[in-house]
Amino acid sequence: MPSTVKVTRGELAYDVEGTGPSACLIHQYREVTAKGPLANALTPHFRLHAINPVGLGGSSAPRESHDLTMESFADDLEDFRYRLDLPPWVVVGSSTGGMVALLHALRHPKAVRGLVLIGSAASRQFITGSLADPAHPRAAEVAAARTSAAQGAEGMAAFRTAMFRLSVADPHRTPEPPEGEDGHNSA
């Protein structure tokens, strides 16, 4: 059972493994754990906090769609770090978590000791044409998915499914990512 920390937007669920300097592992749309393959590569070197954003992995439900933005999660990370009295840390962001890590570093530069970005875009220049682009042909579907996320556990599940399907070229031929041994995605 993960622990939780109360932050301004609710509660963030997390688990901790390893020893060494503080680090956190994050993703924006998938649960993270401190026991998956990626975490196992980090825990010999870091005291790793695998932190799930509002709406995922035991964290509180979003109160409004703004709670699901990358900027909100970046600020929630600083709130989390402050409440646990952690020193500046290494932020490990996988996929969209890498974008959150960059935002966290830009918004709270004194909080970040280093960044590890895995499969992530590094600049707003990549927004043009992406699902984050308001001019994207499927932008209305993204907005609807964000709205559904604020409708409890079922809405959050629908949000994750919609974002996965919108993120892959052919969702009918691309299987869901494999789950970790503990039932959580290992990203």
C-alpha atoms as a PDB file:
ATOM      1  CA  MET A   1       0.000   0.000   0.000  1.00  0.00           C
ATOM      2  CA  PRO A   2       1.526   3.322  -1.021  1.00  0.00           C
ATOM      3  CA  SER A   3       1.914   6.210   1.394  1.00  0.00           C
ATOM      4  CA  THR A   4       0.296   9.591   0.721  1.00  0.00           C
ATOM      5  CA  VAL A   5       1.287  13.205   1.286  1.00  0.00           C
ATOM      6  CA  LYS A   6      -1.245  16.030   1.418  1.00  0.00           C
ATOM      7  CA  VAL A   7      -0.464  18.770  -1.093  1.00  0.00           C
ATOM      8  CA  THR A   8      -2.455  21.824  -2.135  1.00  0.00           C
ATOM      9  CA  ARG A   9      -4.434  19.957  -4.819  1.00  0.00           C
ATOM     10  CA  GLY A  10      -5.163  16.852  -2.712  1.00  0.00           C
ATOM     11  CA  GLU A  11      -3.005  13.861  -1.848  1.00  0.00           C
ATOM     12  CA  LEU A  12      -0.158  12.305  -3.829  1.00  0.00           C
ATOM     13  CA  ALA A  13       0.450   8.577  -3.463  1.00  0.00           C
ATOM     14  CA  TYR A  14       4.041   7.391  -3.514  1.00  0.00           C
ATOM     15  CA  ASP A  15       6.358   4.588  -2.541  1.00  0.00           C
ATOM     16  CA  VAL A  16      10.046   4.735  -1.679  1.00  0.00           C
ATOM     17  CA  GLU A  17      12.964   2.371  -2.251  1.00  0.00           C
ATOM     18  CA  GLY A  18      16.747   2.617  -2.303  1.00  0.00           C
ATOM     19  CA  THR A  19      19.482   4.573  -0.612  1.00  0.00           C
ATOM     20  CA  GLY A  20      21.504   7.603  -1.535  1.00  0.00           C
ATOM     21  CA  PRO A  21      20.595  11.094  -2.721  1.00  0.00           C
ATOM     22  CA  SER A  22      16.889  11.938  -3.114  1.00  0.00           C
ATOM     23  CA  ALA A  23      15.236  11.356  -6.463  1.00  0.00           C
ATOM     24  CA  CYS A  24      11.710  11.070  -7.764  1.00  0.00           C
ATOM     25  CA  LEU A  25      10.253   9.011 -10.604  1.00  0.00           C
ATOM     26  CA  ILE A  26       7.235  10.439 -12.428  1.00  0.00           C
ATOM     27  CA  HIS A  27       4.967   9.964 -15.415  1.00  0.00           C
ATOM     28  CA  GLN A  28       1.939  12.039 -16.368  1.00  0.00           C
ATOM     29  CA  TYR A  29      -0.570   9.409 -17.577  1.00  0.00           C
ATOM     30  CA  ARG A  30       0.653   6.092 -16.136  1.00  0.00           C
ATOM     31  CA  GLU A  31       1.182   4.882 -12.584  1.00  0.00           C
ATOM     32  CA  VAL A  32       4.759   4.562 -11.377  1.00  0.00           C
ATOM     33  CA  THR A  33       6.199   2.331  -8.699  1.00  0.00           C
ATOM     34  CA  ALA A  34       9.544   2.099  -6.939  1.00  0.00           C
ATOM     35  CA  LYS A  35       9.674  -1.615  -7.751  1.00  0.00           C
ATOM     36  CA  GLY A  36       9.552  -1.817 -11.578  1.00  0.00           C
ATOM     37  CA  PRO A  37      12.492  -2.392 -13.959  1.00  0.00           C
ATOM     38  CA  LEU A  38      13.296   1.310 -14.374  1.00  0.00           C
ATOM     39  CA  ALA A  39      13.095   1.905 -10.630  1.00  0.00           C
ATOM     40  CA  ASN A  40      15.295  -1.130  -9.979  1.00  0.00           C
ATOM     41  CA  ALA A  41      18.028   0.464 -12.115  1.00  0.00           C
ATOM     42  CA  LEU A  42      17.825   3.643 -10.017  1.00  0.00           C
ATOM     43  CA  THR A  43      17.418   2.406  -6.437  1.00  0.00           C
ATOM     44  CA  PRO A  44      21.024   1.237  -6.011  1.00  0.00           C
ATOM     45  CA  HIS A  45      22.026   4.888  -6.530  1.00  0.00           C
ATOM     46  CA  PHE A  46      19.111   6.943  -5.173  1.00  0.00           C
ATOM     47  CA  ARG A  47      16.470   7.071  -2.464  1.00  0.00           C
ATOM     48  CA  LEU A  48      13.715   6.961  -5.057  1.00  0.00           C
ATOM     49  CA  HIS A  49      10.242   8.372  -4.463  1.00  0.00           C
ATOM     50  CA  ALA A  50       7.877   7.058  -7.163  1.00  0.00           C
ATOM     51  CA  ILE A  51       5.123   9.696  -7.145  1.00  0.00           C
ATOM     52  CA  ASN A  52       1.752   9.410  -8.851  1.00  0.00           C
ATOM     53  CA  PRO A  53      -0.071  12.591  -9.886  1.00  0.00           C
ATOM     54  CA  VAL A  54      -3.575  13.515  -8.810  1.00  0.00           C
ATOM     55  CA  GLY A  55      -5.946  10.950 -10.317  1.00  0.00           C
ATOM     56  CA  LEU A  56      -3.541   7.990 -10.490  1.00  0.00           C
ATOM     57  CA  GLY A  57      -2.165   5.203  -8.324  1.00  0.00           C
ATOM     58  CA  GLY A  58      -3.913   5.968  -5.052  1.00  0.00           C
ATOM     59  CA  SER A  59      -3.542   9.745  -5.313  1.00  0.00           C
ATOM     60  CA  SER A  60      -6.694  11.764  -4.716  1.00  0.00           C
ATOM     61  CA  ALA A  61      -9.171  12.378  -7.509  1.00  0.00           C
ATOM     62  CA  PRO A  62      -8.859  15.625  -9.462  1.00  0.00           C
ATOM     63  CA  ARG A  63     -11.246  18.357  -8.374  1.00  0.00           C
ATOM     64  CA  GLU A  64     -11.122  20.139 -11.727  1.00  0.00           C
ATOM     65  CA  SER A  65      -9.513  19.531 -15.116  1.00  0.00           C
ATOM     66  CA  HIS A  66      -6.712  22.034 -14.325  1.00  0.00           C
ATOM     67  CA  ASP A  67      -5.474  19.595 -11.646  1.00  0.00           C
ATOM     68  CA  LEU A  68      -4.384  17.300 -14.503  1.00  0.00           C
ATOM     69  CA  THR A  69      -2.051  19.731 -16.262  1.00  0.00           C
ATOM     70  CA  MET A  70       1.687  19.248 -16.394  1.00  0.00           C
ATOM     71  CA  GLU A  71       2.160  22.615 -14.698  1.00  0.00           C
ATOM     72  CA  SER A  72      -0.044  21.532 -11.790  1.00  0.00           C
ATOM     73  CA  PHE A  73       1.876  18.275 -11.344  1.00  0.00           C
ATOM     74  CA  ALA A  74       5.196  20.176 -11.511  1.00  0.00           C
ATOM     75  CA  ASP A  75       3.999  22.429  -8.683  1.00  0.00           C
ATOM     76  CA  ASP A  76       2.591  19.455  -6.739  1.00  0.00           C
ATOM     77  CA  LEU A  77       6.060  17.877  -6.849  1.00  0.00           C
ATOM     78  CA  GLU A  78       7.550  20.924  -5.166  1.00  0.00           C
ATOM     79  CA  ASP A  79       4.780  20.884  -2.563  1.00  0.00           C
ATOM     80  CA  PHE A  80       5.497  17.169  -1.986  1.00  0.00           C
ATOM     81  CA  ARG A  81       9.255  17.754  -1.642  1.00  0.00           C
ATOM     82  CA  TYR A  82       8.694  20.650   0.754  1.00  0.00           C
ATOM     83  CA  ARG A  83       6.252  18.740   2.968  1.00  0.00           C
ATOM     84  CA  LEU A  84       8.651  15.807   3.310  1.00  0.00           C
ATOM     85  CA  ASP A  85      11.561  18.211   3.890  1.00  0.00           C
ATOM     86  CA  LEU A  86      13.590  16.601   1.102  1.00  0.00           C
ATOM     87  CA  PRO A  87      16.741  18.267  -0.234  1.00  0.00           C
ATOM     88  CA  PRO A  88      17.043  19.192  -3.907  1.00  0.00           C
ATOM     89  CA  TRP A  89      16.529  15.998  -5.878  1.00  0.00           C
ATOM     90  CA  VAL A  90      17.104  14.317  -9.192  1.00  0.00           C
ATOM     91  CA  VAL A  91      13.861  14.205 -11.157  1.00  0.00           C
ATOM     92  CA  VAL A  92      13.448  11.160 -13.401  1.00  0.00           C
ATOM     93  CA  GLY A  93      10.661  11.648 -15.927  1.00  0.00           C
ATOM     94  CA  SER A  94       9.511   8.965 -18.315  1.00  0.00           C
ATOM     95  CA  SER A  95       7.630   9.992 -21.480  1.00  0.00           C
ATOM     96  CA  THR A  96       5.286  12.865 -20.537  1.00  0.00           C
ATOM     97  CA  GLY A  97       6.829  12.705 -17.065  1.00  0.00           C
ATOM     98  CA  GLY A  98       9.965  14.107 -18.704  1.00  0.00           C
ATOM     99  CA  MET A  99       8.026  17.186 -19.734  1.00  0.00           C
ATOM    100  CA  VAL A 100       6.743  17.533 -16.165  1.00  0.00           C
ATOM    101  CA  ALA A 101      10.341  17.170 -14.928  1.00  0.00           C
ATOM    102  CA  LEU A 102      11.431  20.018 -17.209  1.00  0.00           C
ATOM    103  CA  LEU A 103       8.583  22.215 -16.016  1.00  0.00           C
ATOM    104  CA  HIS A 104       9.433  21.396 -12.396  1.00  0.00           C
ATOM    105  CA  ALA A 105      13.042  22.431 -13.026  1.00  0.00           C
ATOM    106  CA  LEU A 106      11.986  25.677 -14.714  1.00  0.00           C
ATOM    107  CA  ARG A 107       9.384  26.589 -12.085  1.00  0.00           C
ATOM    108  CA  HIS A 108      11.439  25.465  -9.053  1.00  0.00           C
ATOM    109  CA  PRO A 109      15.116  25.555 -10.099  1.00  0.00           C
ATOM    110  CA  LYS A 110      16.466  25.407  -6.521  1.00  0.00           C
ATOM    111  CA  ALA A 111      14.566  22.145  -5.958  1.00  0.00           C
ATOM    112  CA  VAL A 112      16.293  20.215  -8.746  1.00  0.00           C
ATOM    113  CA  ARG A 113      19.731  18.690  -8.456  1.00  0.00           C
ATOM    114  CA  GLY A 114      19.552  16.925 -11.825  1.00  0.00           C
ATOM    115  CA  LEU A 115      17.257  15.583 -14.516  1.00  0.00           C
ATOM    116  CA  VAL A 116      16.935  12.197 -16.197  1.00  0.00           C
ATOM    117  CA  LEU A 117      14.561  12.340 -19.160  1.00  0.00           C
ATOM    118  CA  ILE A 118      13.457   9.112 -20.818  1.00  0.00           C
ATOM    119  CA  GLY A 119      11.614   9.168 -24.149  1.00  0.00           C
ATOM    120  CA  SER A 120      10.472  12.751 -23.723  1.00  0.00           C
ATOM    121  CA  ALA A 121      10.161  15.896 -25.807  1.00  0.00           C
ATOM    122  CA  ALA A 122      12.295  18.739 -24.504  1.00  0.00           C
ATOM    123  CA  SER A 123      10.739  21.841 -25.979  1.00  0.00           C
ATOM    124  CA  ARG A 124       7.407  23.528 -26.628  1.00  0.00           C
ATOM    125  CA  GLN A 125       8.369  23.433 -30.312  1.00  0.00           C
ATOM    126  CA  PHE A 126       7.146  19.837 -30.227  1.00  0.00           C
ATOM    127  CA  ILE A 127       3.646  20.922 -29.168  1.00  0.00           C
ATOM    128  CA  THR A 128       2.741  21.998 -32.715  1.00  0.00           C
ATOM    129  CA  GLY A 129       0.870  19.094 -34.207  1.00  0.00           C
ATOM    130  CA  SER A 130       0.806  17.143 -30.929  1.00  0.00           C
ATOM    131  CA  LEU A 131      -2.208  16.333 -28.782  1.00  0.00           C
ATOM    132  CA  ALA A 132      -1.292  19.333 -26.589  1.00  0.00           C
ATOM    133  CA  ASP A 133      -1.772  21.655 -29.578  1.00  0.00           C
ATOM    134  CA  PRO A 134      -5.202  23.368 -29.389  1.00  0.00           C
ATOM    135  CA  ALA A 135      -5.265  23.261 -33.219  1.00  0.00           C
ATOM    136  CA  HIS A 136      -4.818  19.455 -33.315  1.00  0.00           C
ATOM    137  CA  PRO A 137      -7.694  17.804 -35.203  1.00  0.00           C
ATOM    138  CA  ARG A 138      -8.479  15.707 -32.108  1.00  0.00           C
ATOM    139  CA  ALA A 139      -8.126  18.522 -29.533  1.00  0.00           C
ATOM    140  CA  ALA A 140     -11.818  18.255 -28.652  1.00  0.00           C
ATOM    141  CA  GLU A 141     -11.326  14.565 -27.755  1.00  0.00           C
ATOM    142  CA  VAL A 142      -8.404  15.508 -25.484  1.00  0.00           C
ATOM    143  CA  ALA A 143     -10.524  18.177 -23.780  1.00  0.00           C
ATOM    144  CA  ALA A 144     -13.382  15.683 -23.310  1.00  0.00           C
ATOM    145  CA  ALA A 145     -10.968  13.143 -21.821  1.00  0.00           C
ATOM    146  CA  ARG A 146      -9.678  15.736 -19.333  1.00  0.00           C
ATOM    147  CA  THR A 147     -13.230  16.625 -18.352  1.00  0.00           C
ATOM    148  CA  SER A 148     -14.131  12.958 -17.776  1.00  0.00           C
ATOM    149  CA  ALA A 149     -11.122  12.564 -15.473  1.00  0.00           C
ATOM    150  CA  ALA A 150     -12.754  14.777 -12.871  1.00  0.00           C
ATOM    151  CA  GLN A 151     -15.703  12.364 -12.666  1.00  0.00           C
ATOM    152  CA  GLY A 152     -14.238   9.904 -10.152  1.00  0.00           C
ATOM    153  CA  ALA A 153     -12.423   6.597 -10.631  1.00  0.00           C
ATOM    154  CA  GLU A 154     -14.381   5.559 -13.728  1.00  0.00           C
ATOM    155  CA  GLY A 155     -13.771   8.930 -15.343  1.00  0.00           C
ATOM    156  CA  MET A 156     -10.049   8.709 -14.584  1.00  0.00           C
ATOM    157  CA  ALA A 157      -9.910   5.234 -16.131  1.00  0.00           C
ATOM    158  CA  ALA A 158     -11.677   6.612 -19.211  1.00  0.00           C
ATOM    159  CA  PHE A 159      -9.169   9.503 -19.311  1.00  0.00           C
ATOM    160  CA  ARG A 160      -6.155   7.151 -19.244  1.00  0.00           C
ATOM    161  CA  THR A 161      -7.674   4.922 -21.922  1.00  0.00           C
ATOM    162  CA  ALA A 162      -8.547   7.887 -24.141  1.00  0.00           C
ATOM    163  CA  MET A 163      -5.077   9.442 -23.804  1.00  0.00           C
ATOM    164  CA  PHE A 164      -3.429   6.112 -24.646  1.00  0.00           C
ATOM    165  CA  ARG A 165      -5.633   5.633 -27.694  1.00  0.00           C
ATOM    166  CA  LEU A 166      -5.058   9.212 -28.832  1.00  0.00           C
ATOM    167  CA  SER A 167      -1.287   8.872 -28.321  1.00  0.00           C
ATOM    168  CA  VAL A 168      -0.617   5.871 -30.570  1.00  0.00           C
ATOM    169  CA  ALA A 169      -0.801   5.764 -34.348  1.00  0.00           C
ATOM    170  CA  ASP A 170      -3.022   2.667 -34.488  1.00  0.00           C
ATOM    171  CA  PRO A 171      -4.612   1.844 -31.120  1.00  0.00           C
ATOM    172  CA  HIS A 172      -6.234  -1.292 -32.561  1.00  0.00           C
ATOM    173  CA  ARG A 173      -2.848  -2.830 -33.426  1.00  0.00           C
ATOM    174  CA  THR A 174      -0.800  -1.397 -30.555  1.00  0.00           C
ATOM    175  CA  PRO A 175      -1.286  -3.346 -27.340  1.00  0.00           C
ATOM    176  CA  GLU A 176      -1.531  -1.650 -23.965  1.00  0.00           C
ATOM    177  CA  PRO A 177       1.931  -1.403 -22.341  1.00  0.00           C
ATOM    178  CA  PRO A 178       2.752  -4.430 -20.183  1.00  0.00           C
ATOM    179  CA  GLU A 179       1.940  -4.171 -16.492  1.00  0.00           C
ATOM    180  CA  GLY A 180       4.593  -4.642 -13.811  1.00  0.00           C
ATOM    181  CA  GLU A 181       4.665  -7.651 -11.547  1.00  0.00           C
ATOM    182  CA  ASP A 182       2.674  -5.810  -8.878  1.00  0.00           C
ATOM    183  CA  GLY A 183      -0.088  -4.870 -11.321  1.00  0.00           C
ATOM    184  CA  HIS A 184       1.223  -1.359 -11.934  1.00  0.00           C
ATOM    185  CA  ASN A 185       2.884  -0.124 -15.070  1.00  0.00           C
ATOM    186  CA  SER A 186       6.632  -0.250 -14.609  1.00  0.00           C
ATOM    187  CA  ALA A 187       7.450   3.086 -16.291  1.00  0.00           C
END
